[in-house]
Amino acid sequence: LDRRRNYIDISKTEESLTAMTKIKERKGVNTPSKDELWAQLQEIQKQELAAMKEEKQNLEAEKKAMENFKADPSDIISINAGGQVTIQAHRGTLCLVKDSKFSHMFSGRWEDSCARDEHGCVFLDHDPEMIQLIVNHLRAKKIEDPTDPVLPPTISKDKSKSFHILLKYFGLEEFFYGEGSDLPSDLPSDLQPVAATSSYITTSHEEGKHRVCRGGNVNSFSFLGFSPALDGERSYFWKCNIVTLRNEDWLFLGLICNQNPSQNSYSDSTSFGWASSTQHYIAGIDTRGDGWTKFEQGEVLYFRLQDHVLTMHSTLKNLSFSIPNIPNDPCIHFNLYHNNTVVELEPLSMLEKSEAGW
């Protein structure tokens, strides 16, 4: 109110008096005195201030009414999801995430604005599977044991992106997947390539992505590790994009604890991972037999190190493979044999973690 008063007193007074006087003169009308004009402006100001005061009182009354409004959390709400499924849940469950759009919809304050079907159910024009996942997760979180946190729901890869878009629309994405769910997660920010055993290996780094190229004209095993080592008490997630790899070319992706191995690093006793031609290395020994086949050009591999278990998920094959008993403080580890092989390493986003069921 004070700002508005100052605006009227300072900005309008002289300019308005002058302008009104000129208009009157041009029209040949008797020009009121400045005192008369000033009185008119004061009356306008008085009316505007009264209107503003009334508006403020109305807002405060509405705010107080909203604060005093308490819908019964035990009310049973019926939801028609996409015209296919009817879901019932307590109001308190649906309003678990305060200040979210989803909570506001079912708070009881906006009942009249919700679209409803012929049976009076709240109609949500969204994929019924996704709505069911949201409600089920809210139910689980409502009775969650803090010592045993409820994991986010998993959804098929073809619906994963749409599910995250829907969560963001309802204001639930952070509640489901944590803060910054659309950002890369869980790789050391100072990760750097180190200890390449071949001058044929070149690396570059741009926008959070490490690009590793195997050049030269001679094929030979070439080790590349990444520092710092990964803390055994944390969980880490990353992905490798195989940009270039000829049909039968050899490639190893995994972990190693020895940061100064020989060029045959894949066979080091601290090496764990997978290589082309069905090779599956545990402590440097090719065990095979876990169903792994080979890497392919264009393939994207998701990796997770958690509770001393290394897991690799192939998005191309839609298959996952795991190696248990990973020692403490391993490093991400590549070994490239053929020239013109290109692999990229970057953090895994929360969305991609969800796609892998992690």
Protein backbone atom coordinates (compact mmCIF):
# COMPACT_ATOMS: atom_id res chain seq x y z
CA LEU A 1 0.00 0.00 0.00
CA ASP A 2 2.84 2.38 0.84
CA ARG A 3 4.55 1.70 -2.48
CA ARG A 4 1.31 2.29 -4.35
CA ARG A 5 0.68 5.53 -2.44
CA ASN A 6 4.17 6.81 -3.25
CA TYR A 7 3.70 5.91 -6.88
CA ILE A 8 0.49 7.93 -7.08
CA ASP A 9 1.84 10.93 -5.15
CA ILE A 10 5.14 11.23 -6.98
CA SER A 11 4.60 9.86 -10.46
CA LYS A 12 1.16 11.14 -11.23
CA THR A 13 0.82 14.44 -9.47
CA GLU A 14 2.74 16.94 -11.61
CA GLU A 15 2.46 15.03 -14.88
CA SER A 16 -1.26 14.44 -14.43
CA LEU A 17 -2.01 18.03 -13.51
CA THR A 18 -0.10 19.34 -16.54
CA ALA A 19 -1.58 16.79 -18.94
CA MET A 20 -5.14 17.34 -17.81
CA THR A 21 -4.72 21.09 -18.09
CA LYS A 22 -3.45 20.83 -21.68
CA ILE A 23 -6.29 18.49 -22.67
CA LYS A 24 -8.85 20.90 -21.29
CA GLU A 25 -7.24 23.83 -23.10
CA ARG A 26 -7.20 21.98 -26.45
CA LYS A 27 -10.88 21.17 -26.09
CA GLY A 28 -11.75 24.74 -25.23
CA VAL A 29 -13.10 23.76 -21.86
CA ASN A 30 -12.65 25.87 -18.79
CA THR A 31 -9.53 24.66 -17.09
CA PRO A 32 -9.95 23.68 -13.42
CA SER A 33 -7.48 25.08 -11.04
CA LYS A 34 -4.62 23.01 -9.80
CA ASP A 35 -6.31 22.79 -6.42
CA GLU A 36 -9.40 21.31 -8.02
CA LEU A 37 -7.34 18.81 -10.00
CA TRP A 38 -5.37 17.92 -6.91
CA ALA A 39 -8.62 17.25 -5.04
CA GLN A 40 -9.78 14.98 -7.87
CA LEU A 41 -6.51 13.03 -7.80
CA GLN A 42 -6.74 12.63 -4.06
CA GLU A 43 -10.25 11.25 -4.42
CA ILE A 44 -9.02 8.76 -7.03
CA GLN A 45 -6.19 7.80 -4.75
CA LYS A 46 -8.58 7.34 -1.84
CA GLN A 47 -10.80 5.05 -3.91
CA GLU A 48 -7.86 2.98 -5.10
CA LEU A 49 -6.48 2.60 -1.59
CA ALA A 50 -9.90 1.51 -0.35
CA ALA A 51 -10.13 -1.09 -3.13
CA MET A 52 -6.65 -2.37 -2.33
CA LYS A 53 -7.49 -2.58 1.37
CA GLU A 54 -10.64 -4.55 0.61
CA GLU A 55 -8.69 -6.89 -1.69
CA LYS A 56 -6.09 -7.48 1.00
CA GLN A 57 -8.79 -8.26 3.58
CA ASN A 58 -10.42 -10.72 1.18
CA LEU A 59 -7.10 -12.47 0.55
CA GLU A 60 -6.37 -12.72 4.25
CA ALA A 61 -9.82 -14.12 4.88
CA GLU A 62 -9.36 -16.68 2.11
CA LYS A 63 -5.95 -17.63 3.47
CA LYS A 64 -7.38 -18.07 6.96
CA ALA A 65 -10.21 -20.20 5.61
CA MET A 66 -7.73 -22.41 3.74
CA GLU A 67 -5.60 -22.81 6.85
CA ASN A 68 -8.64 -23.77 8.90
CA PHE A 69 -9.88 -26.16 6.24
CA LYS A 70 -9.18 -29.73 7.31
CA ALA A 71 -10.52 -32.50 5.12
CA ASP A 72 -10.67 -35.90 6.77
CA PRO A 73 -7.51 -37.86 5.81
CA SER A 74 -9.47 -41.10 6.22
CA ASP A 75 -11.88 -40.13 3.42
CA ILE A 76 -11.84 -42.73 0.64
CA ILE A 77 -11.22 -41.14 -2.77
CA SER A 78 -12.11 -42.98 -5.98
CA ILE A 79 -9.98 -42.30 -9.06
CA ASN A 80 -10.85 -43.23 -12.61
CA ALA A 81 -7.43 -43.72 -14.23
CA GLY A 82 -7.56 -43.28 -17.97
CA GLY A 83 -11.11 -44.60 -18.17
CA GLN A 84 -9.83 -48.13 -17.57
CA VAL A 85 -9.06 -48.64 -13.88
CA THR A 86 -10.74 -47.46 -10.70
CA ILE A 87 -8.33 -46.87 -7.83
CA GLN A 88 -9.40 -46.17 -4.28
CA ALA A 89 -7.17 -44.70 -1.59
CA HIS A 90 -7.38 -42.64 1.57
CA ARG A 91 -7.14 -38.88 1.14
CA GLY A 92 -4.17 -38.86 3.52
CA THR A 93 -2.29 -41.24 1.22
CA LEU A 94 -2.91 -39.13 -1.87
CA CYS A 95 -1.89 -35.96 0.00
CA LEU A 96 1.31 -37.45 1.44
CA VAL A 97 3.59 -35.15 -0.54
CA LYS A 98 2.75 -31.68 0.77
CA ASP A 99 2.71 -28.73 -1.64
CA SER A 100 2.69 -30.99 -4.69
CA LYS A 101 0.11 -30.64 -7.44
CA PHE A 102 -0.99 -34.20 -6.76
CA SER A 103 -1.63 -33.36 -3.10
CA HIS A 104 -3.53 -30.18 -3.95
CA MET A 105 -5.84 -32.10 -6.28
CA PHE A 106 -7.04 -34.33 -3.45
CA SER A 107 -6.77 -31.93 -0.50
CA GLY A 108 -10.50 -31.21 -0.59
CA ARG A 109 -10.05 -27.50 -1.25
CA TRP A 110 -10.55 -27.81 -4.98
CA GLU A 111 -13.10 -30.61 -5.14
CA ASP A 112 -15.37 -28.70 -7.51
CA SER A 113 -12.58 -28.10 -10.04
CA CYS A 114 -11.69 -31.80 -10.47
CA ALA A 115 -12.99 -33.55 -13.58
CA ARG A 116 -15.25 -36.47 -12.68
CA ASP A 117 -16.84 -39.38 -14.47
CA GLU A 118 -20.52 -40.32 -14.38
CA HIS A 119 -20.01 -42.14 -11.07
CA GLY A 120 -18.41 -39.16 -9.34
CA CYS A 121 -14.87 -40.57 -9.45
CA VAL A 122 -12.03 -38.11 -9.98
CA PHE A 123 -10.98 -38.61 -13.60
CA LEU A 124 -7.26 -38.57 -14.42
CA ASP A 125 -6.57 -38.71 -18.15
CA HIS A 126 -3.28 -40.57 -17.81
CA ASP A 127 -1.88 -44.08 -18.27
CA PRO A 128 -3.62 -46.21 -15.59
CA GLU A 129 -0.47 -48.24 -14.96
CA MET A 130 1.44 -45.08 -14.07
CA ILE A 131 -1.30 -43.77 -11.78
CA GLN A 132 -1.42 -47.15 -10.03
CA LEU A 133 2.38 -47.07 -9.54
CA ILE A 134 2.14 -43.59 -8.03
CA VAL A 135 -0.61 -44.54 -5.59
CA ASN A 136 1.09 -47.81 -4.61
CA HIS A 137 4.35 -46.02 -3.93
CA LEU A 138 2.58 -43.42 -1.77
CA ARG A 139 0.97 -46.25 0.19
CA ALA A 140 4.34 -47.90 0.77
CA LYS A 141 6.03 -44.63 1.78
CA LYS A 142 3.21 -43.88 4.22
CA ILE A 143 4.16 -46.90 6.36
CA GLU A 144 7.87 -46.88 5.52
CA ASP A 145 10.38 -48.11 8.09
CA PRO A 146 13.21 -45.51 8.14
CA THR A 147 15.73 -48.32 8.60
CA ASP A 148 14.47 -50.06 5.45
CA PRO A 149 13.65 -47.34 2.88
CA VAL A 150 11.13 -48.05 0.15
CA LEU A 151 12.75 -48.18 -3.28
CA PRO A 152 11.31 -46.21 -6.21
CA PRO A 153 8.98 -48.18 -8.49
CA THR A 154 10.28 -49.76 -11.67
CA ILE A 155 8.53 -49.41 -14.99
CA SER A 156 9.15 -50.79 -18.46
CA LYS A 157 11.79 -49.04 -20.52
CA ASP A 158 9.31 -47.88 -23.15
CA LYS A 159 7.27 -46.03 -20.50
CA SER A 160 10.10 -44.80 -18.30
CA LYS A 161 10.46 -41.36 -19.87
CA SER A 162 6.69 -40.76 -19.87
CA PHE A 163 6.53 -41.81 -16.22
CA HIS A 164 9.17 -39.25 -15.21
CA ILE A 165 7.35 -36.55 -17.19
CA LEU A 166 4.14 -37.41 -15.33
CA LEU A 167 5.91 -37.33 -11.95
CA LYS A 168 7.33 -33.91 -12.76
CA TYR A 169 3.87 -32.69 -13.80
CA PHE A 170 2.42 -33.81 -10.45
CA GLY A 171 5.39 -32.41 -8.49
CA LEU A 172 6.41 -35.88 -7.30
CA GLU A 173 9.71 -36.54 -9.10
CA GLU A 174 11.97 -35.45 -6.25
CA PHE A 175 9.89 -37.41 -3.72
CA PHE A 176 10.16 -40.57 -5.83
CA TYR A 177 13.76 -40.38 -7.01
CA GLY A 178 15.49 -37.74 -4.91
CA GLU A 179 16.72 -34.23 -5.63
CA GLY A 180 18.14 -33.60 -9.09
CA SER A 181 16.56 -36.76 -10.52
CA ASP A 182 17.23 -35.63 -14.07
CA LEU A 183 20.94 -35.00 -13.39
CA PRO A 184 23.90 -37.40 -13.53
CA SER A 185 24.58 -39.18 -10.25
CA ASP A 186 27.23 -40.99 -8.28
CA LEU A 187 30.56 -40.75 -10.06
CA PRO A 188 33.47 -38.81 -8.58
CA SER A 189 33.44 -35.28 -9.98
CA ASP A 190 37.24 -35.38 -10.33
CA LEU A 191 37.33 -38.63 -12.30
CA GLN A 192 40.33 -38.66 -14.65
CA PRO A 193 41.91 -41.22 -17.00
CA VAL A 194 45.32 -42.43 -15.78
CA ALA A 195 48.00 -45.01 -16.38
CA ALA A 196 47.41 -45.87 -20.03
CA THR A 197 49.90 -48.60 -21.05
CA SER A 198 49.90 -47.57 -24.71
CA SER A 199 50.60 -44.35 -26.55
CA TYR A 200 47.87 -45.43 -28.93
CA ILE A 201 45.27 -44.50 -26.29
CA THR A 202 44.02 -40.91 -26.41
CA THR A 203 41.35 -39.36 -24.19
CA SER A 204 39.26 -36.21 -24.13
CA HIS A 205 36.71 -34.79 -21.72
CA GLU A 206 33.75 -32.58 -22.53
CA GLU A 207 30.47 -31.86 -20.77
CA GLY A 208 30.93 -34.62 -18.19
CA LYS A 209 31.79 -37.26 -20.79
CA HIS A 210 35.16 -39.04 -21.17
CA ARG A 211 35.93 -40.18 -24.72
CA VAL A 212 38.56 -42.91 -25.14
CA CYS A 213 40.03 -43.65 -28.58
CA ARG A 214 42.37 -46.49 -29.61
CA GLY A 215 44.49 -45.25 -32.51
CA GLY A 216 47.59 -46.54 -34.25
CA ASN A 217 48.13 -49.17 -36.91
CA VAL A 218 49.17 -52.04 -34.65
CA ASN A 219 46.67 -54.11 -32.69
CA SER A 220 47.73 -54.78 -29.10
CA PHE A 221 46.18 -54.87 -25.64
CA SER A 222 46.04 -51.38 -24.14
CA PHE A 223 45.00 -50.68 -20.54
CA LEU A 224 43.33 -47.50 -19.34
CA GLY A 225 42.17 -46.86 -15.78
CA PHE A 226 40.28 -44.01 -14.15
CA SER A 227 41.17 -42.33 -10.87
CA PRO A 228 40.20 -41.85 -8.08
CA ALA A 229 39.25 -45.31 -6.85
CA LEU A 230 35.61 -45.92 -5.97
CA ASP A 231 34.73 -45.94 -2.27
CA GLY A 232 33.50 -49.38 -1.23
CA GLU A 233 30.97 -47.85 1.17
CA ARG A 234 29.09 -45.98 -1.56
CA SER A 235 27.06 -46.88 -4.64
CA TYR A 236 28.23 -45.82 -8.10
CA PHE A 237 26.47 -45.70 -11.43
CA TRP A 238 27.93 -45.01 -14.88
CA LYS A 239 27.45 -45.91 -18.51
CA CYS A 240 29.66 -46.75 -21.46
CA ASN A 241 28.67 -45.91 -25.02
CA ILE A 242 30.44 -48.05 -27.62
CA VAL A 243 30.79 -45.52 -30.41
CA THR A 244 33.03 -47.53 -32.74
CA LEU A 245 33.75 -51.26 -32.61
CA ARG A 246 34.10 -53.44 -35.66
CA ASN A 247 32.12 -56.67 -35.70
CA GLU A 248 34.72 -59.03 -34.19
CA ASP A 249 36.93 -56.52 -32.39
CA TRP A 250 37.91 -57.17 -28.76
CA LEU A 251 37.06 -54.88 -25.84
CA PHE A 252 37.09 -55.19 -22.03
CA LEU A 253 34.97 -53.09 -19.64
CA GLY A 254 35.01 -53.47 -15.87
CA LEU A 255 36.96 -52.70 -12.69
CA ILE A 256 40.48 -53.21 -11.40
CA CYS A 257 42.21 -52.51 -8.07
CA ASN A 258 45.79 -52.54 -9.38
CA GLN A 259 46.39 -49.13 -10.94
CA ASN A 260 49.67 -50.19 -12.58
CA PRO A 261 48.95 -53.49 -14.30
CA SER A 262 50.55 -54.91 -17.43
CA GLN A 263 49.03 -54.27 -20.82
CA ASN A 264 47.09 -57.53 -20.31
CA SER A 265 45.21 -55.84 -17.46
CA TYR A 266 42.06 -57.92 -17.94
CA SER A 267 43.95 -60.97 -16.57
CA ASP A 268 45.23 -59.13 -13.48
CA SER A 269 44.18 -60.84 -10.22
CA THR A 270 42.30 -57.66 -9.23
CA SER A 271 40.39 -57.36 -12.51
CA PHE A 272 36.63 -57.94 -12.85
CA GLY A 273 34.48 -57.41 -15.91
CA TRP A 274 33.36 -58.53 -19.33
CA ALA A 275 35.03 -58.75 -22.73
CA SER A 276 34.07 -59.62 -26.27
CA SER A 277 33.76 -63.27 -27.28
CA THR A 278 31.73 -64.32 -24.20
CA GLN A 279 34.59 -63.60 -21.78
CA HIS A 280 33.64 -62.98 -18.16
CA TYR A 281 36.59 -62.18 -15.88
CA ILE A 282 36.55 -62.74 -12.12
CA ALA A 283 39.85 -61.91 -10.38
CA GLY A 284 41.54 -62.07 -13.77
CA ILE A 285 40.22 -65.54 -14.65
CA ASP A 286 37.98 -66.03 -17.68
CA THR A 287 35.05 -68.00 -16.26
CA ARG A 288 32.45 -67.52 -19.04
CA GLY A 289 29.09 -69.25 -18.73
CA ASP A 290 27.00 -66.34 -17.40
CA GLY A 291 25.20 -65.84 -20.72
CA TRP A 292 27.27 -62.87 -21.85
CA THR A 293 28.07 -62.81 -25.59
CA LYS A 294 29.95 -59.77 -26.88
CA PHE A 295 29.99 -55.98 -27.15
CA GLU A 296 28.57 -54.39 -30.28
CA GLN A 297 28.99 -51.02 -31.97
CA GLY A 298 26.27 -48.62 -30.85
CA GLU A 299 25.59 -50.58 -27.66
CA VAL A 300 25.04 -48.69 -24.38
CA LEU A 301 26.01 -50.41 -21.14
CA TYR A 302 24.81 -49.29 -17.69
CA PHE A 303 27.08 -50.16 -14.75
CA ARG A 304 26.39 -50.23 -11.04
CA LEU A 305 28.76 -50.93 -8.15
CA GLN A 306 26.78 -51.49 -4.97
CA ASP A 307 27.45 -53.62 -1.89
CA HIS A 308 30.59 -55.02 -3.56
CA VAL A 309 28.57 -56.31 -6.54
CA LEU A 310 29.33 -55.09 -10.07
CA THR A 311 26.33 -55.20 -12.39
CA MET A 312 26.29 -54.49 -16.12
CA HIS A 313 23.03 -53.92 -17.98
CA SER A 314 22.93 -53.97 -21.79
CA THR A 315 20.21 -51.69 -23.14
CA LEU A 316 20.59 -53.32 -26.56
CA LYS A 317 20.10 -56.87 -25.31
CA ASN A 318 17.93 -55.91 -22.33
CA LEU A 319 20.00 -58.27 -20.16
CA SER A 320 21.88 -57.77 -16.89
CA PHE A 321 24.97 -59.56 -15.58
CA SER A 322 26.58 -59.42 -12.14
CA ILE A 323 29.92 -60.18 -10.47
CA PRO A 324 29.95 -60.42 -6.65
CA ASN A 325 32.76 -59.97 -4.13
CA ILE A 326 34.38 -56.90 -5.68
CA PRO A 327 37.31 -55.81 -3.42
CA ASN A 328 37.52 -52.35 -1.87
CA ASP A 329 38.75 -49.33 -3.83
CA PRO A 330 38.45 -50.53 -7.43
CA CYS A 331 38.97 -48.24 -10.45
CA ILE A 332 36.94 -48.15 -13.64
CA HIS A 333 38.95 -50.12 -16.17
CA PHE A 334 39.05 -50.37 -19.98
CA ASN A 335 41.23 -52.51 -22.22
CA LEU A 336 41.12 -51.88 -25.98
CA TYR A 337 42.86 -54.11 -28.50
CA HIS A 338 42.00 -53.00 -32.05
CA ASN A 339 42.63 -49.63 -33.61
CA ASN A 340 39.72 -47.27 -34.31
CA THR A 341 37.85 -48.43 -31.20
CA VAL A 342 36.04 -45.56 -29.46
CA VAL A 343 34.25 -45.78 -26.08
CA GLU A 344 32.63 -43.03 -24.03
CA LEU A 345 32.22 -43.00 -20.25
CA GLU A 346 29.75 -40.75 -18.43
CA PRO A 347 27.57 -40.71 -15.30
CA LEU A 348 24.23 -42.46 -15.29
CA SER A 349 21.16 -40.28 -14.80
CA MET A 350 18.34 -41.09 -12.40
CA LEU A 351 16.08 -41.74 -15.38
CA GLU A 352 18.52 -44.30 -16.78
CA LYS A 353 18.85 -45.92 -13.37
CA SER A 354 15.11 -46.31 -13.34
CA GLU A 355 15.18 -47.87 -16.82
CA ALA A 356 17.58 -50.52 -15.52
CA GLY A 357 15.40 -51.17 -12.49
CA TRP A 358 17.95 -49.63 -10.11
